Amino acid sequence: DAQGADLIVLRTMGKEGKSRVGKIQIEVQDLKETDRLRMYAGGATRKKASKEITSWGFVEERCVLQNCAVGEMNCVFRRNA
């Protein structure tokens, strides 16, 4: 949990790092970018994180709602075999 910077941290792995990882777990909010309930400015939404992580060759395995009041979810992505 990187307090809204999860996707930013994952980007630092670079192409080679991403190819060595089998699963990624990330905390996101399932809200629109402009929603007033966003907890962290610049934090990834589920839609944005899913789009980027799947472009790295992963598929969304599951997302579990952690806090329905703010749409907070833990999502797991696995390498597409």
C-alpha atoms as a PDB file:
ATOM      1  CA  ASP A   1       0.000   0.000   0.000  1.00  0.00           C
ATOM      2  CA  ALA A   2       1.662   3.173  -1.210  1.00  0.00           C
ATOM      3  CA  GLN A   3      -1.070   5.609  -0.155  1.00  0.00           C
ATOM      4  CA  GLY A   4      -2.377   6.335  -3.629  1.00  0.00           C
ATOM      5  CA  ALA A   5       0.966   5.955  -5.403  1.00  0.00           C
ATOM      6  CA  ASP A   6       0.725   2.196  -6.031  1.00  0.00           C
ATOM      7  CA  LEU A   7       0.651   2.474  -9.818  1.00  0.00           C
ATOM      8  CA  ILE A   8       3.468   5.033  -9.788  1.00  0.00           C
ATOM      9  CA  VAL A   9       5.625   2.623  -7.760  1.00  0.00           C
ATOM     10  CA  LEU A  10       4.865  -0.256 -10.145  1.00  0.00           C
ATOM     11  CA  ARG A  11       5.943   1.847 -13.118  1.00  0.00           C
ATOM     12  CA  THR A  12       9.457   2.062 -11.649  1.00  0.00           C
ATOM     13  CA  MET A  13       9.981  -1.670 -12.293  1.00  0.00           C
ATOM     14  CA  GLY A  14      10.643  -1.009 -15.945  1.00  0.00           C
ATOM     15  CA  LYS A  15      10.017  -3.497 -18.737  1.00  0.00           C
ATOM     16  CA  GLU A  16      12.412  -6.167 -17.459  1.00  0.00           C
ATOM     17  CA  GLY A  17      11.077  -6.000 -13.912  1.00  0.00           C
ATOM     18  CA  LYS A  18       7.495  -6.351 -15.087  1.00  0.00           C
ATOM     19  CA  SER A  19       8.399  -9.419 -17.142  1.00  0.00           C
ATOM     20  CA  ARG A  20       9.760 -11.148 -14.006  1.00  0.00           C
ATOM     21  CA  VAL A  21       6.615 -10.619 -11.927  1.00  0.00           C
ATOM     22  CA  GLY A  22       3.817 -13.195 -11.935  1.00  0.00           C
ATOM     23  CA  LYS A  23       1.225 -11.368  -9.827  1.00  0.00           C
ATOM     24  CA  ILE A  24       0.547  -7.792  -8.807  1.00  0.00           C
ATOM     25  CA  GLN A  25      -1.732  -6.641  -6.006  1.00  0.00           C
ATOM     26  CA  ILE A  26      -2.722  -2.996  -6.000  1.00  0.00           C
ATOM     27  CA  GLU A  27      -5.078  -0.821  -3.976  1.00  0.00           C
ATOM     28  CA  VAL A  28      -7.349   1.393  -6.079  1.00  0.00           C
ATOM     29  CA  GLN A  29     -10.610   3.271  -5.890  1.00  0.00           C
ATOM     30  CA  ASP A  30     -13.481   2.293  -8.161  1.00  0.00           C
ATOM     31  CA  LEU A  31     -14.492   5.910  -8.773  1.00  0.00           C
ATOM     32  CA  LYS A  32     -14.290   8.455 -11.568  1.00  0.00           C
ATOM     33  CA  GLU A  33     -11.163  10.640 -11.737  1.00  0.00           C
ATOM     34  CA  THR A  34     -13.232  13.674 -10.731  1.00  0.00           C
ATOM     35  CA  ASP A  35     -15.130  12.084  -7.830  1.00  0.00           C
ATOM     36  CA  ARG A  36     -14.925  14.125  -4.630  1.00  0.00           C
ATOM     37  CA  LEU A  37     -14.456  10.928  -2.604  1.00  0.00           C
ATOM     38  CA  ARG A  38     -11.012  10.286  -4.112  1.00  0.00           C
ATOM     39  CA  MET A  39      -8.652   9.739  -1.175  1.00  0.00           C
ATOM     40  CA  TYR A  40      -5.386  10.688  -2.899  1.00  0.00           C
ATOM     41  CA  ALA A  41      -4.846  13.238  -5.639  1.00  0.00           C
ATOM     42  CA  GLY A  42      -3.294  11.398  -8.570  1.00  0.00           C
ATOM     43  CA  GLY A  43      -4.104   7.975  -7.117  1.00  0.00           C
ATOM     44  CA  ALA A  44      -5.060   5.371  -9.698  1.00  0.00           C
ATOM     45  CA  THR A  45      -8.681   4.510 -10.267  1.00  0.00           C
ATOM     46  CA  ARG A  46      -9.584   0.886 -10.957  1.00  0.00           C
ATOM     47  CA  LYS A  47     -10.226   1.707 -14.607  1.00  0.00           C
ATOM     48  CA  LYS A  48      -6.897   3.499 -15.071  1.00  0.00           C
ATOM     49  CA  ALA A  49      -4.849   0.862 -13.208  1.00  0.00           C
ATOM     50  CA  SER A  50      -6.516  -2.021 -15.037  1.00  0.00           C
ATOM     51  CA  LYS A  51      -5.939  -0.435 -18.432  1.00  0.00           C
ATOM     52  CA  GLU A  52      -2.245   0.153 -17.756  1.00  0.00           C
ATOM     53  CA  ILE A  53      -1.464  -3.126 -15.994  1.00  0.00           C
ATOM     54  CA  THR A  54      -3.213  -5.198 -18.662  1.00  0.00           C
ATOM     55  CA  SER A  55      -1.102  -3.391 -21.279  1.00  0.00           C
ATOM     56  CA  TRP A  56       1.920  -4.955 -19.510  1.00  0.00           C
ATOM     57  CA  GLY A  57       0.589  -8.463 -20.238  1.00  0.00           C
ATOM     58  CA  PHE A  58      -1.435  -9.077 -17.080  1.00  0.00           C
ATOM     59  CA  VAL A  59      -5.100  -9.967 -16.633  1.00  0.00           C
ATOM     60  CA  GLU A  60      -7.312  -8.898 -13.764  1.00  0.00           C
ATOM     61  CA  GLU A  61      -7.790 -11.952 -11.555  1.00  0.00           C
ATOM     62  CA  ARG A  62     -10.010 -10.381  -8.916  1.00  0.00           C
ATOM     63  CA  CYS A  63     -10.922  -7.148  -7.162  1.00  0.00           C
ATOM     64  CA  VAL A  64     -12.285  -7.196  -3.638  1.00  0.00           C
ATOM     65  CA  LEU A  65     -14.130  -4.253  -2.146  1.00  0.00           C
ATOM     66  CA  GLN A  66     -12.450  -3.102   1.076  1.00  0.00           C
ATOM     67  CA  ASN A  67     -14.375   0.082   1.858  1.00  0.00           C
ATOM     68  CA  CYS A  68     -17.687   0.662   0.113  1.00  0.00           C
ATOM     69  CA  ALA A  69     -17.965   4.251   1.421  1.00  0.00           C
ATOM     70  CA  VAL A  70     -15.047   5.362  -0.789  1.00  0.00           C
ATOM     71  CA  GLY A  71     -14.959   2.567  -3.388  1.00  0.00           C
ATOM     72  CA  GLU A  72     -11.611   1.265  -2.145  1.00  0.00           C
ATOM     73  CA  MET A  73     -10.605  -2.094  -3.638  1.00  0.00           C
ATOM     74  CA  ASN A  74      -7.697  -4.504  -3.590  1.00  0.00           C
ATOM     75  CA  CYS A  75      -7.113  -5.887  -7.068  1.00  0.00           C
ATOM     76  CA  VAL A  76      -4.897  -8.776  -8.122  1.00  0.00           C
ATOM     77  CA  PHE A  77      -3.523  -9.124 -11.634  1.00  0.00           C
ATOM     78  CA  ARG A  78      -1.676 -12.185 -12.934  1.00  0.00           C
ATOM     79  CA  ARG A  79       0.628 -12.584 -15.885  1.00  0.00           C
ATOM     80  CA  ASN A  80      -1.330 -13.653 -18.944  1.00  0.00           C
ATOM     81  CA  ALA A  81       0.006 -17.094 -19.860  1.00  0.00           C
END
